[in-house]
N, C-alpha and C. Protein backbone atom coordinates (compact mmCIF):
# COMPACT_ATOMS: atom_id res chain seq x y z
N UNK A 1 0.86 -1.26 -0.04
CA UNK A 1 -0.01 -0.01 -0.03
C UNK A 1 0.91 1.31 0.00
N UNK A 2 1.87 1.19 0.83
CA UNK A 2 2.82 2.38 0.82
C UNK A 2 3.46 2.69 -0.58
N UNK A 3 3.80 1.63 -1.34
CA UNK A 3 4.39 1.84 -2.51
C UNK A 3 3.37 2.35 -3.55
N UNK A 4 2.13 2.11 -3.35
CA UNK A 4 0.97 2.69 -4.23
C UNK A 4 0.99 4.17 -3.89
N UNK A 5 1.03 4.53 -2.73
CA UNK A 5 1.03 5.88 -2.40
C UNK A 5 2.13 6.73 -2.89
N UNK A 6 3.29 6.17 -2.68
CA UNK A 6 4.56 6.86 -3.09
C UNK A 6 4.47 7.05 -4.69
N UNK A 7 4.15 5.84 -5.30
CA UNK A 7 3.95 6.13 -6.80
C UNK A 7 2.84 7.08 -7.32
N UNK A 8 1.83 7.14 -6.64
CA UNK A 8 0.87 8.07 -6.87
C UNK A 8 1.31 9.48 -6.69
N UNK A 9 2.00 9.74 -5.50
CA UNK A 9 2.54 11.03 -5.28
C UNK A 9 3.69 11.54 -6.25
N UNK A 10 4.47 10.56 -6.68
CA UNK A 10 5.46 10.89 -7.62
C UNK A 10 5.08 10.95 -8.99
N UNK A 11 4.17 10.06 -9.49
CA UNK A 11 3.81 9.94 -10.82
C UNK A 11 2.33 10.11 -11.22
N UNK A 12 1.39 10.31 -10.14
CA UNK A 12 0.03 10.40 -10.43
C UNK A 12 -0.56 9.12 -10.91
N UNK A 13 0.22 7.97 -10.54
CA UNK A 13 -0.18 6.55 -10.99
C UNK A 13 0.30 5.65 -9.91
N UNK A 14 -0.71 5.09 -9.21
CA UNK A 14 -0.41 4.09 -8.03
C UNK A 14 0.26 2.78 -8.53
N UNK A 15 0.19 2.42 -9.71
CA UNK A 15 0.58 1.04 -10.18
C UNK A 15 2.08 0.81 -9.86
N UNK A 16 2.15 -0.49 -9.41
CA UNK A 16 3.64 -0.90 -9.24
C UNK A 16 3.56 -2.58 -9.31
N UNK A 17 4.82 -3.11 -9.13
CA UNK A 17 4.87 -4.62 -9.64
C UNK A 17 4.16 -5.44 -8.55
N UNK A 18 3.91 -4.92 -7.33
CA UNK A 18 3.22 -5.75 -6.26
C UNK A 18 1.75 -5.69 -6.34
N UNK A 19 1.11 -5.03 -7.38
CA UNK A 19 -0.27 -4.86 -7.31
C UNK A 19 -0.79 -5.41 -8.65
N UNK A 20 -2.08 -5.82 -8.73
CA UNK A 20 -2.69 -6.03 -10.09
C UNK A 20 -2.90 -4.67 -10.71
N UNK A 21 -3.01 -4.72 -12.11
CA UNK A 21 -3.10 -3.49 -12.75
C UNK A 21 -4.39 -2.68 -12.18
N UNK A 22 -4.23 -1.37 -11.86
CA UNK A 22 -5.20 -0.63 -11.21
C UNK A 22 -5.62 0.50 -12.22
N UNK A 23 -6.74 0.35 -12.93
CA UNK A 23 -7.18 1.36 -13.83
C UNK A 23 -7.52 2.61 -13.24
N UNK A 24 -7.50 3.64 -13.82
CA UNK A 24 -7.92 4.88 -13.31
C UNK A 24 -9.48 4.90 -12.95
N UNK A 25 -9.88 5.55 -11.88
CA UNK A 25 -11.29 5.59 -11.51
C UNK A 25 -12.10 6.44 -12.42
N UNK A 26 -13.26 5.98 -12.89
CA UNK A 26 -14.18 6.73 -13.70
C UNK A 26 -15.56 6.39 -13.15
N UNK A 27 -16.53 7.35 -13.21
CA UNK A 27 -17.78 7.08 -12.86
C UNK A 27 -18.51 5.98 -13.44
N UNK A 28 -18.07 5.70 -14.71
CA UNK A 28 -18.65 4.67 -15.51
C UNK A 28 -18.23 3.37 -14.97
N UNK A 29 -16.80 3.06 -14.67
CA UNK A 29 -16.39 1.79 -14.30
C UNK A 29 -16.17 1.64 -12.66
N UNK A 30 -15.89 2.75 -12.13
CA UNK A 30 -15.83 2.70 -10.59
C UNK A 30 -14.62 1.72 -10.10
N UNK A 31 -13.54 1.68 -10.81
CA UNK A 31 -12.47 0.87 -10.42
C UNK A 31 -11.92 1.22 -8.99
N UNK A 32 -11.85 0.34 -8.01
CA UNK A 32 -11.39 0.54 -6.75
C UNK A 32 -10.49 -0.53 -6.34
N UNK A 33 -9.24 -0.19 -5.80
CA UNK A 33 -8.36 -1.24 -5.36
C UNK A 33 -8.78 -1.64 -3.85
N UNK A 34 -8.98 -2.88 -3.73
CA UNK A 34 -9.18 -3.33 -2.44
C UNK A 34 -7.95 -3.96 -1.85
N UNK A 35 -7.39 -3.34 -0.80
CA UNK A 35 -5.98 -3.73 -0.15
C UNK A 35 -6.35 -4.76 0.77
N UNK A 36 -5.84 -6.04 0.61
CA UNK A 36 -6.07 -7.04 1.63
C UNK A 36 -4.83 -8.10 1.45
N UNK A 37 -5.04 -9.21 1.99
CA UNK A 37 -3.87 -10.26 1.82
C UNK A 37 -3.60 -10.52 0.31
N UNK A 38 -4.64 -10.48 -0.47
CA UNK A 38 -4.60 -10.51 -1.80
C UNK A 38 -5.38 -9.34 -2.40
N UNK A 39 -4.61 -8.44 -3.01
CA UNK A 39 -5.18 -7.20 -3.35
C UNK A 39 -6.02 -7.52 -4.79
N UNK A 40 -7.02 -6.74 -4.92
CA UNK A 40 -8.02 -6.91 -6.19
C UNK A 40 -8.56 -5.75 -6.54
N UNK A 41 -8.94 -5.47 -7.72
CA UNK A 41 -9.66 -4.31 -8.25
C UNK A 41 -11.15 -4.73 -8.37
N UNK A 42 -12.00 -3.99 -7.84
CA UNK A 42 -13.46 -4.23 -7.96
C UNK A 42 -14.16 -3.07 -8.46
N UNK A 43 -15.14 -3.35 -9.28
CA UNK A 43 -15.72 -2.19 -10.02
C UNK A 43 -17.20 -2.15 -9.39
N UNK A 44 -17.30 -0.81 -9.11
CA UNK A 44 -18.67 -0.42 -8.42
C UNK A 44 -18.95 -1.20 -7.17
N UNK A 45 -17.91 -1.46 -6.26
CA UNK A 45 -18.10 -2.31 -5.21
C UNK A 45 -19.01 -1.77 -4.09
N UNK A 46 -19.10 -0.40 -4.11
CA UNK A 46 -20.00 0.35 -3.17
C UNK A 46 -21.19 0.92 -3.80
N UNK A 47 -21.59 0.37 -4.95
CA UNK A 47 -22.84 1.01 -5.71
C UNK A 47 -24.01 1.14 -4.84
N UNK A 48 -24.39 0.26 -3.99
CA UNK A 48 -25.60 0.36 -3.30
C UNK A 48 -25.53 1.47 -2.16
N UNK A 49 -24.22 1.58 -1.61
CA UNK A 49 -24.07 2.65 -0.63
C UNK A 49 -24.18 4.11 -1.25
N UNK A 50 -23.52 4.20 -2.45
CA UNK A 50 -23.53 5.40 -3.11
C UNK A 50 -25.00 5.80 -3.53
N UNK A 51 -25.77 4.76 -3.96
CA UNK A 51 -27.22 5.09 -4.31
C UNK A 51 -28.02 5.52 -3.04
N UNK A 52 -27.64 5.10 -2.02
CA UNK A 52 -28.39 5.53 -0.76
C UNK A 52 -27.97 7.06 -0.33
N UNK A 53 -26.71 7.27 -0.63
CA UNK A 53 -26.28 8.68 -0.31
C UNK A 53 -26.88 9.74 -1.28
N UNK A 54 -27.27 9.34 -2.49
CA UNK A 54 -27.84 10.15 -3.54
C UNK A 54 -26.83 11.05 -4.22
N UNK A 55 -27.34 12.04 -5.18
CA UNK A 55 -26.44 12.75 -5.86
C UNK A 55 -25.59 13.77 -5.17
């Protein structure tokens, strides 16, 4: 996770060899990296919550 923050601060891109490819977030795809024992990208993982919060 710290390497992702460092890369993002330096290059505006958090990708590095220890993570799966992390596409830029857009409202259409909602790509979010889930940091855990095995990291993964999930798409619109919080859609229901965001719908509850409204526009």
